């Protein structure tokens, strides 16, 4: 009997253990399902609330698969959708881009204010200027001008008298060279009175235009011819007390022109031609560079000039013509005989 009770107690204990285990398993499963379903519900509500707002754009990721294992013997599998991850774009439709490498350039200059109007500068016309004239020959003329009276040693260069004197000289000098050259300026350098003779000694600087002096016109010779009657225009002057110099000019000494000694001293006779060089050429206009002189052959007054001249021998000159003359005579006779024979 005791054995029967023991077996019965074991069976009851096993039944209780089974019932308790089944209850625990059911409770665990229910708890798990409740836990899984709860986020699903909240997710659905979240999705609905996002869809109701048209301004934002929602993007949900594909549902993830979760596997849960109960501690009981029976295992249940459930797939649940986790809360959707939404990316909302603001209403301004701005998208964030990954950082990029940018190159910075200096900013352009700011534009001028709209209120200020830039006007171009007024156009100005520049009148062409006449280039200064090119000066040719330059001479300094020394003259004695006759006056009624003057104080001894009185210098009128810086006085009012000098202005009158310069004006008179300018007019008369230009008239002297009229139709022969163009006078550019006449300047009074100095003037001093010589009371004993009532002359004013003057030095004037005269400039001529380049290429204005005509061929064969010489500055000093024109002046000499003009004052030969003791007048320079309407100014009384000394016809013998004068001098013309050419500043800034290099004049070499006169030399006999090549071949002149033989030409003159060996038959032609007459004056010899002498010449000299002058530089610079622009300042040498109106300056005579040649001259003629007599009595320079051997035995004459200035015979040393052509003492080395070698004249050809006239006898040799005649003998050199003899063969040609004989040949011509022979040809003439031969032609005559030939004509007679026929």
Protein backbone atom coordinates (compact mmCIF):
# COMPACT_ATOMS: atom_id res chain seq x y z
CA UNK A 1 0.00 0.00 0.00
CA UNK A 2 2.80 2.35 0.85
CA UNK A 3 4.26 1.66 -2.56
CA UNK A 4 1.06 2.67 -4.26
CA UNK A 5 1.02 5.97 -2.44
CA UNK A 6 4.60 6.64 -3.38
CA UNK A 7 3.92 6.05 -7.08
CA UNK A 8 0.83 8.20 -6.89
CA UNK A 9 2.82 11.02 -5.30
CA UNK A 10 5.45 10.83 -8.02
CA UNK A 11 2.84 11.04 -10.73
CA UNK A 12 1.22 14.04 -9.10
CA UNK A 13 4.62 15.76 -8.77
CA UNK A 14 5.44 15.11 -12.43
CA UNK A 15 2.07 16.51 -13.47
CA UNK A 16 2.65 19.63 -11.46
CA UNK A 17 6.07 20.11 -12.95
CA UNK A 18 4.66 19.76 -16.46
CA UNK A 19 1.80 22.15 -15.79
CA UNK A 20 4.10 24.72 -14.23
CA UNK A 21 6.59 24.50 -17.10
CA UNK A 22 3.86 24.90 -19.71
CA UNK A 23 2.47 27.92 -17.88
CA UNK A 24 5.88 29.58 -17.69
CA UNK A 25 6.49 28.97 -21.37
CA UNK A 26 3.17 30.47 -22.33
CA UNK A 27 3.79 33.48 -20.14
CA UNK A 28 7.24 34.05 -21.61
CA UNK A 29 5.96 33.77 -25.11
CA UNK A 30 3.15 36.22 -24.43
CA UNK A 31 5.58 38.62 -22.88
CA UNK A 32 7.91 38.45 -25.83
CA UNK A 33 5.13 39.00 -28.32
CA UNK A 34 3.87 41.93 -26.38
CA UNK A 35 7.34 43.39 -26.37
CA UNK A 36 7.80 42.93 -30.11
CA UNK A 37 4.40 44.26 -31.06
CA UNK A 38 4.74 47.39 -29.05
CA UNK A 39 7.36 49.04 -31.31
CA UNK A 40 5.40 47.98 -34.36
CA UNK A 41 2.42 49.90 -33.14
CA UNK A 42 4.45 52.92 -32.31
CA UNK A 43 6.21 52.71 -35.65
CA UNK A 44 2.92 52.65 -37.50
CA UNK A 45 1.78 55.68 -35.63
CA UNK A 46 5.03 57.41 -36.45
CA UNK A 47 4.78 56.59 -40.13
CA UNK A 48 1.21 57.88 -40.26
CA UNK A 49 2.17 61.10 -38.60
CA UNK A 50 5.00 61.68 -41.07
CA UNK A 51 2.87 60.92 -44.09
CA UNK A 52 0.32 63.49 -42.95
CA UNK A 53 2.92 66.29 -43.36
CA UNK A 54 3.45 67.03 -47.10
CA UNK A 55 6.35 69.44 -46.55
CA UNK A 56 8.86 66.82 -45.36
CA UNK A 57 10.14 63.87 -47.30
CA UNK A 58 10.44 60.65 -45.31
CA UNK A 59 12.51 57.72 -46.35
CA UNK A 60 12.18 54.46 -44.46
CA UNK A 61 14.79 51.79 -44.48
CA UNK A 62 13.80 48.19 -45.24
CA UNK A 63 12.64 46.32 -42.14
CA UNK A 64 15.22 44.41 -40.23
CA UNK A 65 14.73 40.78 -39.22
CA UNK A 66 15.02 40.02 -35.55
CA UNK A 67 15.11 36.51 -34.13
CA UNK A 68 14.05 35.82 -30.58
CA UNK A 69 14.43 32.49 -28.85
CA UNK A 70 12.31 31.59 -25.85
CA UNK A 71 13.76 29.61 -23.02
CA UNK A 72 11.16 26.89 -23.51
CA UNK A 73 11.42 23.93 -25.72
CA UNK A 74 9.08 25.41 -28.33
CA UNK A 75 10.74 28.20 -30.29
CA UNK A 76 8.73 30.96 -32.06
CA UNK A 77 10.00 33.12 -34.84
CA UNK A 78 8.62 36.61 -35.42
CA UNK A 79 9.59 39.33 -37.84
CA UNK A 80 9.20 42.81 -36.60
CA UNK A 81 9.78 46.14 -38.30
CA UNK A 82 11.88 48.43 -36.18
CA UNK A 83 11.09 52.07 -36.03
CA UNK A 84 11.69 53.64 -39.44
CA UNK A 85 14.58 55.96 -39.75
CA UNK A 86 13.27 59.08 -41.45
CA UNK A 87 15.37 61.76 -43.08
CA UNK A 88 13.49 64.97 -43.22
CA UNK A 89 14.35 67.63 -45.79
CA UNK A 90 13.55 71.16 -44.70
CA UNK A 91 11.01 73.14 -46.69
CA UNK A 92 13.83 75.05 -48.40
CA UNK A 93 14.80 71.80 -50.20
CA UNK A 94 18.44 72.08 -49.17
CA UNK A 95 20.63 69.01 -49.39
CA UNK A 96 23.81 68.60 -47.49
CA UNK A 97 26.73 67.66 -49.73
CA UNK A 98 30.03 66.18 -48.66
CA UNK A 99 32.77 68.70 -48.04
CA UNK A 100 34.57 69.74 -51.23
CA UNK A 101 37.90 71.36 -51.87
CA UNK A 102 37.37 74.93 -53.01
CA UNK A 103 39.87 77.35 -54.54
CA UNK A 104 39.56 80.92 -53.37
CA UNK A 105 40.07 83.79 -55.83
CA UNK A 106 40.45 87.45 -54.92
CA UNK A 107 37.10 89.17 -54.98
CA UNK A 108 36.42 91.38 -57.99
CA UNK A 109 36.55 95.11 -57.42
CA UNK A 110 33.26 96.48 -56.20
CA UNK A 111 31.21 98.25 -58.83
CA UNK A 112 30.95 102.01 -58.55
CA UNK A 113 27.97 103.29 -56.63
CA UNK A 114 24.90 103.59 -58.73
CA UNK A 115 24.47 107.17 -57.67
CA UNK A 116 27.80 108.31 -59.19
CA UNK A 117 28.05 108.66 -62.97
CA UNK A 118 31.54 108.68 -64.48
CA UNK A 119 31.83 111.15 -67.33
CA UNK A 120 34.75 111.07 -69.80
CA UNK A 121 37.18 113.98 -69.62
CA UNK A 122 36.48 116.74 -72.09
CA UNK A 123 38.31 116.31 -75.37
CA UNK A 124 41.08 118.79 -75.86
CA UNK A 125 42.60 119.56 -79.23
CA UNK A 126 46.30 120.38 -79.28
CA UNK A 127 47.31 122.68 -82.07
CA UNK A 128 50.44 121.51 -83.88
CA UNK A 129 53.42 123.59 -82.96
CA UNK A 130 55.77 124.93 -85.58
CA UNK A 131 59.25 123.46 -85.08
CA UNK A 132 61.98 125.99 -84.47
CA UNK A 133 63.90 126.98 -87.59
CA UNK A 134 67.19 125.33 -88.33
CA UNK A 135 70.04 127.79 -88.10
CA UNK A 136 72.73 127.76 -90.73
CA UNK A 137 75.64 130.17 -90.79
CA UNK A 138 76.42 132.33 -87.75
CA UNK A 139 78.65 135.41 -88.05
CA UNK A 140 79.87 138.20 -85.80
CA UNK A 141 80.25 141.54 -87.56
CA UNK A 142 82.44 144.32 -86.22
CA UNK A 143 81.46 147.81 -87.43
CA UNK A 144 82.13 151.50 -86.80
CA UNK A 145 78.88 153.51 -86.87
CA UNK A 146 79.16 157.28 -87.24
CA UNK A 147 77.31 159.45 -84.64
CA UNK A 148 77.05 163.18 -84.08
CA UNK A 149 78.48 163.03 -80.57
CA UNK A 150 78.96 160.61 -77.71
CA UNK A 151 80.67 160.42 -74.35
CA UNK A 152 84.05 158.76 -74.31
CA UNK A 153 83.80 155.10 -73.37
CA UNK A 154 80.02 155.26 -73.03
CA UNK A 155 78.50 151.80 -73.37
CA UNK A 156 75.00 151.91 -74.76
CA UNK A 157 74.42 148.17 -74.80
CA UNK A 158 72.17 148.12 -71.72
CA UNK A 159 70.50 151.49 -72.19
CA UNK A 160 67.43 152.65 -74.05
CA UNK A 161 69.72 153.88 -76.83
CA UNK A 162 70.73 150.27 -77.44
CA UNK A 163 67.13 149.33 -78.26
CA UNK A 164 67.00 151.99 -80.97
CA UNK A 165 70.41 151.01 -82.29
CA UNK A 166 69.50 147.31 -82.40
CA UNK A 167 66.27 148.05 -84.28
CA UNK A 168 68.14 150.10 -86.89
CA UNK A 169 70.83 147.46 -87.32
CA UNK A 170 68.27 144.67 -87.68
CA UNK A 171 66.38 146.49 -90.43
CA UNK A 172 69.50 147.48 -92.36
CA UNK A 173 71.28 144.11 -92.13
CA UNK A 174 68.19 142.29 -93.39
CA UNK A 175 67.95 144.73 -96.27
CA UNK A 176 71.61 144.17 -97.17
CA UNK A 177 71.07 140.41 -97.61
CA UNK A 178 67.61 140.66 -99.11
CA UNK A 179 67.21 138.36 -102.15
CA UNK A 180 70.56 136.77 -101.30
CA UNK A 181 69.88 135.03 -97.97
CA UNK A 182 67.36 134.95 -95.12
CA UNK A 183 68.54 136.61 -91.91
CA UNK A 184 67.02 135.01 -88.83
CA UNK A 185 68.21 137.22 -85.93
CA UNK A 186 70.38 140.25 -85.35
CA UNK A 187 71.60 140.75 -81.76
CA UNK A 188 73.63 143.62 -80.40
CA UNK A 189 76.53 142.18 -78.39
CA UNK A 190 78.43 145.32 -77.42
CA UNK A 191 78.71 148.97 -78.36
CA UNK A 192 81.18 151.50 -77.08
CA UNK A 193 81.63 155.14 -78.04
CA UNK A 194 84.93 156.52 -79.34
CA UNK A 195 84.54 160.25 -78.70
CA UNK A 196 87.62 161.33 -80.67
CA UNK A 197 86.15 160.17 -83.97
CA UNK A 198 82.45 160.18 -83.02
CA UNK A 199 82.11 156.50 -83.88
CA UNK A 200 80.28 153.84 -81.91
CA UNK A 201 82.07 150.51 -82.14
CA UNK A 202 79.48 147.72 -82.33
CA UNK A 203 79.60 143.93 -82.40
CA UNK A 204 76.50 142.24 -83.75
CA UNK A 205 75.64 138.55 -83.96
CA UNK A 206 73.84 137.59 -87.17
CA UNK A 207 72.27 134.17 -87.81
CA UNK A 208 71.03 132.88 -91.16
CA UNK A 209 68.44 130.24 -91.97
CA UNK A 210 69.84 126.91 -93.11
CA UNK A 211 70.02 126.47 -96.91
CA UNK A 212 68.85 130.06 -97.46
CA UNK A 213 72.14 131.47 -98.78
CA UNK A 214 72.18 131.26 -102.55
CA UNK A 215 75.02 129.68 -104.46
CA UNK A 216 77.88 132.06 -105.19
CA UNK A 217 76.83 134.44 -102.36
CA UNK A 218 79.46 135.00 -99.67
CA UNK A 219 78.53 136.77 -96.42
CA UNK A 220 81.69 138.87 -95.98
CA UNK A 221 81.86 139.89 -99.63
CA UNK A 222 78.24 141.11 -99.64
CA UNK A 223 78.94 143.25 -96.56
CA UNK A 224 82.17 144.62 -98.03
CA UNK A 225 80.40 145.67 -101.21
CA UNK A 226 77.54 147.27 -99.21
CA UNK A 227 79.68 149.46 -96.94
CA UNK A 228 82.14 150.44 -99.66
CA UNK A 229 80.34 153.80 -99.88
CA UNK A 230 80.44 154.19 -96.06
CA UNK A 231 76.77 153.32 -95.67
CA UNK A 232 75.00 150.32 -94.21
CA UNK A 233 71.52 150.98 -95.45
CA UNK A 234 70.70 154.38 -93.93
CA UNK A 235 73.38 154.13 -91.20
CA UNK A 236 76.68 155.97 -91.77
CA UNK A 237 79.56 153.56 -91.20
CA UNK A 238 83.26 153.27 -91.88
CA UNK A 239 83.85 151.44 -95.13
CA UNK A 240 87.30 150.27 -94.08
CA UNK A 241 86.95 149.48 -90.39
CA UNK A 242 84.97 146.28 -90.33
CA UNK A 243 85.52 142.57 -89.76
CA UNK A 244 83.52 139.38 -90.22
CA UNK A 245 84.26 136.27 -88.15
CA UNK A 246 82.61 132.84 -88.18
CA UNK A 247 82.38 131.37 -84.64
CA UNK A 248 82.14 127.60 -84.28
CA UNK A 249 83.73 126.97 -87.68
CA UNK A 250 87.02 125.20 -88.39
CA UNK A 251 88.78 126.61 -91.46
CA UNK A 252 91.99 124.99 -92.62
CA UNK A 253 94.77 126.91 -94.40
CA UNK A 254 94.57 127.41 -98.15
CA UNK A 255 96.46 124.91 -100.26
CA UNK A 256 97.11 124.80 -104.01
CA UNK A 257 94.51 122.73 -105.75
CA UNK A 258 95.88 119.51 -107.17
CA UNK A 259 97.28 119.89 -110.72
CA UNK A 260 97.19 123.70 -110.67
CA UNK A 261 100.99 124.21 -110.71
CA UNK A 262 101.43 122.08 -113.87
CA UNK A 263 98.38 123.61 -115.54
CA UNK A 264 99.45 127.23 -114.86
CA UNK A 265 103.25 127.09 -114.78
CA UNK A 266 103.71 124.72 -117.75
CA UNK A 267 101.80 126.63 -120.35
CA UNK A 268 98.33 127.96 -119.40
CA UNK A 269 99.50 130.74 -117.12
CA UNK A 270 97.22 132.90 -115.00
CA UNK A 271 96.32 132.69 -111.30
CA UNK A 272 96.53 129.56 -109.25
CA UNK A 273 93.42 128.18 -107.53
CA UNK A 274 93.74 127.65 -103.78
CA UNK A 275 91.22 125.77 -101.64
CA UNK A 276 90.61 124.92 -97.97
CA UNK A 277 88.31 122.66 -96.01
CA UNK A 278 85.54 123.94 -93.72
CA UNK A 279 83.51 122.17 -91.02
CA UNK A 280 80.81 121.69 -89.92
CA UNK A 281 79.09 121.98 -93.26
CA UNK A 282 75.89 123.57 -91.89
CA UNK A 283 77.93 126.50 -90.53
CA UNK A 284 80.02 126.86 -93.68
CA UNK A 285 77.24 128.17 -95.89
CA UNK A 286 78.17 131.56 -97.31
CA UNK A 287 81.88 131.09 -96.58
CA UNK A 288 84.24 131.12 -99.51
CA UNK A 289 86.59 128.15 -99.44
CA UNK A 290 88.55 128.90 -102.66
CA UNK A 291 90.64 131.80 -103.88
CA UNK A 292 92.86 132.70 -106.83
CA UNK A 293 96.35 134.26 -106.72
CA UNK A 294 99.05 135.05 -109.25
CA UNK A 295 102.88 135.00 -109.26
CA UNK A 296 103.36 131.54 -107.75
CA UNK A 297 105.31 129.87 -110.60
CA UNK A 298 109.10 129.38 -110.49
CA UNK A 299 110.95 132.65 -111.10
CA UNK A 300 107.93 134.73 -110.01
CA UNK A 301 107.31 136.66 -106.79
CA UNK A 302 105.88 133.68 -104.91
CA UNK A 303 107.72 131.09 -106.95
CA UNK A 304 108.31 128.75 -104.04
CA UNK A 305 104.69 127.68 -104.18
CA UNK A 306 105.17 125.66 -107.37
CA UNK A 307 108.93 125.05 -107.18
CA UNK A 308 108.45 121.29 -107.33
CA UNK A 309 106.27 121.36 -110.43
CA UNK A 310 107.66 119.11 -113.24
CA UNK A 311 106.69 120.19 -116.72
CA UNK A 312 106.75 117.68 -119.66
CA UNK A 313 109.65 118.02 -122.23
CA UNK A 314 108.27 119.60 -125.45
CA UNK A 315 110.93 117.87 -127.59
CA UNK A 316 109.86 114.48 -126.28
CA UNK A 317 106.31 115.43 -126.93
CA UNK A 318 107.16 116.16 -130.60
CA UNK A 319 109.26 113.00 -131.04
CA UNK A 320 106.42 110.95 -129.71
CA UNK A 321 104.29 112.23 -132.55
CA UNK A 322 106.91 111.40 -135.30
CA UNK A 323 106.13 107.66 -135.82
CA UNK A 324 102.47 108.36 -136.18
CA UNK A 325 103.14 111.14 -138.68
CA UNK A 326 105.48 108.94 -140.73
CA UNK A 327 102.96 106.11 -140.79
CA UNK A 328 100.26 108.48 -141.94
CA UNK A 329 102.53 109.84 -144.69
CA UNK A 330 103.43 106.32 -145.86
CA UNK A 331 99.80 105.29 -146.09
CA UNK A 332 98.99 108.41 -148.09
CA UNK A 333 101.79 107.76 -150.62
CA UNK A 334 100.80 104.09 -150.96
CA UNK A 335 97.23 105.03 -151.67
CA UNK A 336 98.36 107.53 -154.33
CA UNK A 337 100.57 104.96 -156.10
CA UNK A 338 97.80 102.39 -156.11
CA UNK A 339 95.40 104.82 -157.72
CA UNK A 340 98.04 105.80 -160.39
CA UNK A 341 98.69 102.14 -161.28
CA UNK A 342 95.05 101.59 -162.10
